Amino acid sequence: MQSKLSRWCDGIIEAGGVAAVIVTPLFFNIHSDRVFEPDKLTLLRSIALVVAFAWLVKFIDQKGWQQHSRLRWREEGSIWRMPFILPVTLLVVAYLVSNLLSVTPSVSWAGSYQRLQGTYSTLSYLVIFGTTISSMRTRAQARRLVTMVIITSIPVAFYGLLQHFNLDPLPWAGNTQERVAGHMGNAIFLSAYLIMAVPLTLSRIIVSFNNILSDEDLATADVIRSSIYIFTLAIQLITIYWTGSRGPWLGIGAGVFAFVLILLVALRNAETSNQRFQVADGVKAVVLVLGGTAVIFT
């Protein structure tokens, strides 16, 4: 049974993960020299430090060193059996070795003044990733995190629309009307962020349509929810188009490909044939809606 202190630490870790996906994309500082990347990463690094400290306190409180058997590969509850743990560990090792062998280790660690990239920033991403999945216990927590990503993408995409129509209240040095940059300060960075939110939004649309088609009594909440998700997906795709970048469309293709594979696995693992038909009908409805949206905007 968890102590009160451990529960508090879990709350801080979850709040840190949610804050990272909400505040970091939206934050920029017009009073600093670089405005975007260093300010965002400074904020993210700070969140990562708080989260890492909370995890360390929880580790000490639960005497985590007594669970060293989880480090053994063949143990049933081994951490190495968790998805992505091995590739993430190899990535950390690669970064640390590269940093040690770097011509300028200090710059490789802290990053440049212009972008603040570097090993420190990468480890901050991985700290938030690792602590979040370690404290995530329920589906509700995962759904909440996905919801926050989708909600955050709305103002990010909407700001891009304002820039395209020359309604941006802030004066920027570059032409943000021809290629919108939004909260990221860079057209490619903006579209790279949005393509990560597109598959999540698409999944919620399928779930909403599935609920509408499976319920005998049509619920107003499901209709409203599906309409909001369709609107969100539409402004995401429109903003990506107005960034004027070609690479992100390849990213969307890869993301949708992975999404379809996961969807096919879900169909295969459906408990009943009725559930398979419900999900399939939801997918068909989404395809029709997306096709109609594409026709309208082209």
Protein backbone atom coordinates (compact mmCIF):
# COMPACT_ATOMS: atom_id res chain seq x y z
CA MET A 1 0.00 0.00 0.00
CA GLN A 2 1.32 3.43 -0.93
CA SER A 3 2.04 5.97 1.76
CA LYS A 4 0.58 9.45 1.69
CA LEU A 5 3.97 10.84 0.64
CA SER A 6 4.16 8.45 -2.34
CA ARG A 7 0.65 9.43 -3.42
CA TRP A 8 1.66 13.08 -3.29
CA CYS A 9 4.72 12.29 -5.41
CA ASP A 10 2.55 10.45 -7.94
CA GLY A 11 0.30 13.51 -8.11
CA ILE A 12 3.28 15.79 -8.71
CA ILE A 13 4.63 13.48 -11.42
CA GLU A 14 1.27 13.31 -13.20
CA ALA A 15 0.81 17.07 -12.90
CA GLY A 16 4.30 17.58 -14.30
CA GLY A 17 3.55 15.40 -17.32
CA VAL A 18 0.30 17.25 -17.98
CA ALA A 19 2.03 20.62 -17.52
CA ALA A 20 4.73 19.59 -19.98
CA VAL A 21 2.22 18.81 -22.75
CA ILE A 22 0.13 21.93 -22.07
CA VAL A 23 2.43 24.75 -21.03
CA THR A 24 5.50 24.00 -23.15
CA PRO A 25 3.76 24.19 -26.56
CA LEU A 26 1.84 27.34 -25.62
CA PHE A 27 4.58 29.30 -23.87
CA PHE A 28 6.82 31.87 -25.53
CA ASN A 29 8.43 35.03 -24.20
CA ILE A 30 8.39 38.10 -26.42
CA HIS A 31 10.70 39.93 -23.99
CA SER A 32 13.63 37.53 -24.48
CA ASP A 33 16.12 37.54 -27.33
CA ARG A 34 15.15 34.21 -28.92
CA VAL A 35 11.46 34.19 -27.81
CA PHE A 36 10.77 30.51 -28.48
CA GLU A 37 13.19 27.58 -28.19
CA PRO A 38 15.40 28.54 -25.20
CA ASP A 39 12.41 29.77 -23.20
CA LYS A 40 10.35 26.67 -23.88
CA LEU A 41 13.25 24.36 -23.05
CA THR A 42 14.12 26.24 -19.87
CA LEU A 43 10.54 25.73 -18.74
CA LEU A 44 10.58 22.06 -19.73
CA ARG A 45 13.90 21.47 -17.97
CA SER A 46 12.46 23.02 -14.81
CA ILE A 47 9.43 20.73 -14.98
CA ALA A 48 11.72 17.74 -15.53
CA LEU A 49 13.78 18.63 -12.44
CA VAL A 50 10.67 18.88 -10.26
CA VAL A 51 9.34 15.59 -11.61
CA ALA A 52 12.71 13.86 -11.15
CA PHE A 53 12.89 15.08 -7.54
CA ALA A 54 9.36 13.79 -6.85
CA TRP A 55 10.27 10.41 -8.35
CA LEU A 56 13.43 10.24 -6.23
CA VAL A 57 11.46 11.01 -3.05
CA LYS A 58 8.96 8.29 -3.97
CA PHE A 59 11.80 5.84 -4.70
CA ILE A 60 13.32 6.47 -1.26
CA ASP A 61 9.94 6.34 0.50
CA GLN A 62 9.09 2.97 -1.09
CA LYS A 63 12.65 1.64 -0.68
CA GLY A 64 12.87 0.98 -4.38
CA TRP A 65 16.37 -0.47 -4.11
CA GLN A 66 14.79 -3.58 -2.59
CA GLN A 67 13.11 -4.29 -5.94
CA HIS A 68 16.40 -4.81 -7.77
CA SER A 69 15.09 -8.13 -9.12
CA ARG A 70 13.08 -6.13 -11.67
CA LEU A 71 16.37 -5.30 -13.38
CA ARG A 72 16.88 -8.95 -14.31
CA TRP A 73 15.88 -9.72 -17.88
CA ARG A 74 14.17 -13.06 -17.21
CA GLU A 75 12.07 -11.93 -14.27
CA GLU A 76 8.35 -11.83 -15.00
CA GLY A 77 7.98 -8.24 -13.75
CA SER A 78 11.23 -7.04 -15.33
CA ILE A 79 11.26 -3.42 -16.46
CA TRP A 80 12.94 -4.56 -19.68
CA ARG A 81 9.68 -6.18 -20.72
CA MET A 82 7.97 -2.80 -20.78
CA PRO A 83 7.51 -1.26 -24.26
CA PHE A 84 10.21 1.20 -25.38
CA ILE A 85 12.35 0.76 -22.24
CA LEU A 86 15.20 -0.97 -24.08
CA PRO A 87 15.35 1.45 -27.08
CA VAL A 88 15.07 4.45 -24.75
CA THR A 89 17.93 3.10 -22.62
CA LEU A 90 20.07 2.61 -25.74
CA LEU A 91 19.24 6.17 -26.78
CA VAL A 92 20.38 7.52 -23.40
CA VAL A 93 23.63 5.55 -23.62
CA ALA A 94 24.24 6.85 -27.16
CA TYR A 95 23.72 10.46 -26.07
CA LEU A 96 25.98 10.13 -23.02
CA VAL A 97 28.77 8.46 -24.99
CA SER A 98 28.50 11.08 -27.74
CA ASN A 99 28.63 13.81 -25.12
CA LEU A 100 31.77 12.37 -23.53
CA LEU A 101 33.50 12.06 -26.91
CA SER A 102 32.36 15.48 -28.12
CA VAL A 103 34.87 18.15 -29.17
CA THR A 104 33.01 20.61 -26.91
CA PRO A 105 31.33 18.55 -24.17
CA SER A 106 29.86 21.59 -22.41
CA VAL A 107 28.01 22.74 -25.54
CA SER A 108 26.91 19.19 -26.29
CA TRP A 109 25.48 18.96 -22.79
CA ALA A 110 23.81 22.36 -22.41
CA GLY A 111 23.06 23.09 -26.06
CA SER A 112 23.64 26.26 -28.03
CA TYR A 113 22.42 29.68 -26.97
CA GLN A 114 20.12 29.90 -30.00
CA ARG A 115 18.27 26.60 -29.56
CA LEU A 116 19.32 25.19 -26.16
CA GLN A 117 19.26 21.68 -27.59
CA GLY A 118 21.70 19.12 -26.21
CA THR A 119 21.96 16.09 -23.96
CA TYR A 120 20.41 17.93 -21.02
CA SER A 121 17.27 18.73 -22.99
CA THR A 122 17.00 15.20 -24.39
CA LEU A 123 17.34 13.71 -20.92
CA SER A 124 14.62 16.10 -19.73
CA TYR A 125 12.26 14.68 -22.36
CA LEU A 126 13.11 11.15 -21.29
CA VAL A 127 12.73 11.94 -17.57
CA ILE A 128 9.20 13.21 -18.15
CA PHE A 129 8.47 10.21 -20.38
CA GLY A 130 9.84 7.66 -17.92
CA THR A 131 8.32 9.11 -14.76
CA THR A 132 4.93 9.58 -16.44
CA ILE A 133 4.62 5.96 -17.58
CA SER A 134 5.94 4.70 -14.24
CA SER A 135 3.21 6.55 -12.32
CA MET A 136 0.40 5.86 -14.80
CA ARG A 137 -1.89 3.24 -13.30
CA THR A 138 -5.26 3.59 -15.00
CA ARG A 139 -6.75 4.08 -18.46
CA ALA A 140 -8.33 7.28 -17.19
CA GLN A 141 -4.88 8.80 -16.68
CA ALA A 142 -3.84 7.89 -20.22
CA ARG A 143 -7.08 9.27 -21.66
CA ARG A 144 -6.64 12.46 -19.66
CA LEU A 145 -3.15 12.96 -21.05
CA VAL A 146 -4.36 12.40 -24.62
CA THR A 147 -7.22 14.83 -24.05
CA MET A 148 -4.79 17.50 -22.86
CA VAL A 149 -2.66 17.07 -25.99
CA ILE A 150 -5.72 17.49 -28.22
CA ILE A 151 -7.04 20.50 -26.30
CA THR A 152 -3.64 22.19 -26.38
CA SER A 153 -3.40 21.73 -30.14
CA ILE A 154 -6.54 23.85 -30.63
CA PRO A 155 -5.04 27.25 -29.62
CA VAL A 156 -1.77 26.30 -31.32
CA ALA A 157 -3.55 25.61 -34.61
CA PHE A 158 -5.92 28.56 -34.19
CA TYR A 159 -3.02 30.97 -33.74
CA GLY A 160 -1.68 29.72 -37.07
CA LEU A 161 -5.04 30.57 -38.66
CA LEU A 162 -4.83 34.09 -37.24
CA GLN A 163 -1.38 34.52 -38.73
CA HIS A 164 -2.50 33.31 -42.14
CA PHE A 165 -5.33 35.85 -42.25
CA ASN A 166 -3.00 38.60 -40.98
CA LEU A 167 -4.87 38.93 -37.67
CA ASP A 168 -1.85 38.30 -35.46
CA PRO A 169 -1.66 41.08 -32.83
CA LEU A 170 2.09 40.57 -32.40
CA PRO A 171 4.59 41.99 -34.92
CA TRP A 172 7.13 39.42 -36.12
CA ALA A 173 10.23 40.02 -38.21
CA GLY A 174 9.43 37.30 -40.75
CA ASN A 175 6.42 36.81 -42.99
CA THR A 176 4.12 34.65 -40.87
CA GLN A 177 1.21 35.08 -43.25
CA GLU A 178 2.73 33.13 -46.11
CA ARG A 179 4.15 30.40 -43.84
CA VAL A 180 2.53 30.37 -40.41
CA ALA A 181 4.80 29.72 -37.43
CA GLY A 182 2.35 29.92 -34.53
CA HIS A 183 3.51 29.29 -30.98
CA MET A 184 6.65 27.51 -32.20
CA GLY A 185 8.26 30.38 -34.09
CA ASN A 186 9.08 28.07 -36.98
CA ALA A 187 6.78 26.66 -39.64
CA ILE A 188 8.36 23.20 -39.60
CA PHE A 189 8.33 23.05 -35.80
CA LEU A 190 4.65 24.02 -35.77
CA SER A 191 3.63 21.34 -38.23
CA ALA A 192 5.87 18.78 -36.49
CA TYR A 193 3.95 19.40 -33.28
CA LEU A 194 0.54 19.22 -34.95
CA ILE A 195 1.22 15.96 -36.79
CA MET A 196 1.70 14.31 -33.39
CA ALA A 197 -1.77 15.46 -32.33
CA VAL A 198 -3.51 14.40 -35.57
CA PRO A 199 -3.58 10.60 -34.91
CA LEU A 200 -4.79 11.20 -31.35
CA THR A 201 -7.61 13.41 -32.60
CA LEU A 202 -8.46 10.89 -35.29
CA SER A 203 -8.74 8.14 -32.69
CA ARG A 204 -11.17 10.23 -30.65
CA ILE A 205 -13.30 10.84 -33.74
CA ILE A 206 -13.54 7.09 -34.35
CA VAL A 207 -14.48 6.46 -30.71
CA SER A 208 -17.15 9.18 -30.85
CA PHE A 209 -18.64 7.83 -34.08
CA ASN A 210 -18.50 4.33 -32.65
CA ASN A 211 -20.52 5.49 -29.64
CA ILE A 212 -23.05 7.22 -31.88
CA LEU A 213 -23.52 4.16 -34.09
CA SER A 214 -23.65 1.65 -31.23
CA ASP A 215 -26.09 3.50 -28.94
CA GLU A 216 -29.76 2.92 -29.60
CA ASP A 217 -30.60 6.30 -28.09
CA LEU A 218 -28.57 9.02 -29.76
CA ALA A 219 -26.75 10.98 -27.07
CA THR A 220 -26.34 14.70 -27.60
CA ALA A 221 -23.01 14.61 -25.78
CA ASP A 222 -21.56 12.16 -28.32
CA VAL A 223 -22.68 14.35 -31.23
CA ILE A 224 -21.18 17.47 -29.65
CA ARG A 225 -17.98 15.63 -28.79
CA SER A 226 -17.55 14.24 -32.29
CA SER A 227 -18.23 17.68 -33.80
CA ILE A 228 -15.55 19.26 -31.62
CA TYR A 229 -13.02 16.59 -32.58
CA ILE A 230 -13.82 16.97 -36.29
CA PHE A 231 -13.38 20.74 -35.99
CA THR A 232 -10.09 20.23 -34.16
CA LEU A 233 -8.78 17.83 -36.80
CA ALA A 234 -9.82 20.23 -39.56
CA ILE A 235 -7.92 23.22 -38.13
CA GLN A 236 -4.92 21.00 -37.41
CA LEU A 237 -4.71 19.88 -41.04
CA ILE A 238 -5.42 23.36 -42.41
CA THR A 239 -2.68 24.88 -40.25
CA ILE A 240 -0.24 22.17 -41.31
CA TYR A 241 -1.05 22.99 -44.93
CA TRP A 242 -0.50 26.70 -44.34
CA THR A 243 2.92 26.12 -42.81
CA GLY A 244 4.04 25.49 -46.38
CA SER A 245 6.24 22.57 -45.32
CA ARG A 246 6.36 19.32 -47.28
CA GLY A 247 8.19 17.14 -44.78
CA PRO A 248 5.39 17.06 -42.19
CA TRP A 249 3.06 15.43 -44.71
CA LEU A 250 5.46 12.50 -44.79
CA GLY A 251 5.23 12.49 -41.01
CA ILE A 252 1.45 12.41 -41.17
CA GLY A 253 1.66 9.52 -43.62
CA ALA A 254 3.88 7.56 -41.24
CA GLY A 255 1.66 8.41 -38.28
CA VAL A 256 -1.53 7.40 -40.07
CA PHE A 257 0.15 4.17 -41.23
CA ALA A 258 1.03 3.29 -37.63
CA PHE A 259 -2.46 4.33 -36.56
CA VAL A 260 -4.07 1.99 -39.11
CA LEU A 261 -1.90 -0.91 -37.93
CA ILE A 262 -2.95 -0.30 -34.32
CA LEU A 263 -6.57 -0.03 -35.42
CA LEU A 264 -6.36 -3.35 -37.26
CA VAL A 265 -4.93 -4.98 -34.13
CA ALA A 266 -7.82 -3.50 -32.14
CA LEU A 267 -10.29 -4.95 -34.63
CA ARG A 268 -8.62 -8.33 -34.42
CA ASN A 269 -8.67 -8.31 -30.61
CA ALA A 270 -12.30 -7.17 -30.38
CA GLU A 271 -14.18 -9.51 -28.07
CA THR A 272 -17.19 -9.95 -30.34
CA SER A 273 -17.97 -9.64 -34.02
CA ASN A 274 -20.49 -6.93 -33.12
CA GLN A 275 -17.68 -4.80 -31.69
CA ARG A 276 -15.68 -5.30 -34.88
CA PHE A 277 -18.57 -4.07 -37.01
CA GLN A 278 -19.08 -1.09 -34.71
CA VAL A 279 -15.45 0.00 -34.99
CA ALA A 280 -15.44 -0.64 -38.74
CA ASP A 281 -18.60 1.46 -39.17
CA GLY A 282 -16.99 4.20 -37.11
CA VAL A 283 -13.96 4.17 -39.41
CA LYS A 284 -16.17 4.36 -42.50
CA ALA A 285 -18.05 7.33 -41.07
CA VAL A 286 -14.79 9.10 -40.27
CA VAL A 287 -13.49 8.50 -43.81
CA LEU A 288 -16.68 9.98 -45.26
CA VAL A 289 -16.46 13.04 -42.99
CA LEU A 290 -12.78 13.60 -43.78
CA GLY A 291 -13.46 13.19 -47.49
CA GLY A 292 -16.26 15.74 -47.32
CA THR A 293 -14.04 18.13 -45.37
CA ALA A 294 -11.27 17.78 -47.95
CA VAL A 295 -13.71 18.53 -50.78
CA ILE A 296 -15.02 21.63 -48.99
CA PHE A 297 -11.58 23.10 -48.34
CA THR A 298 -10.18 22.33 -51.78
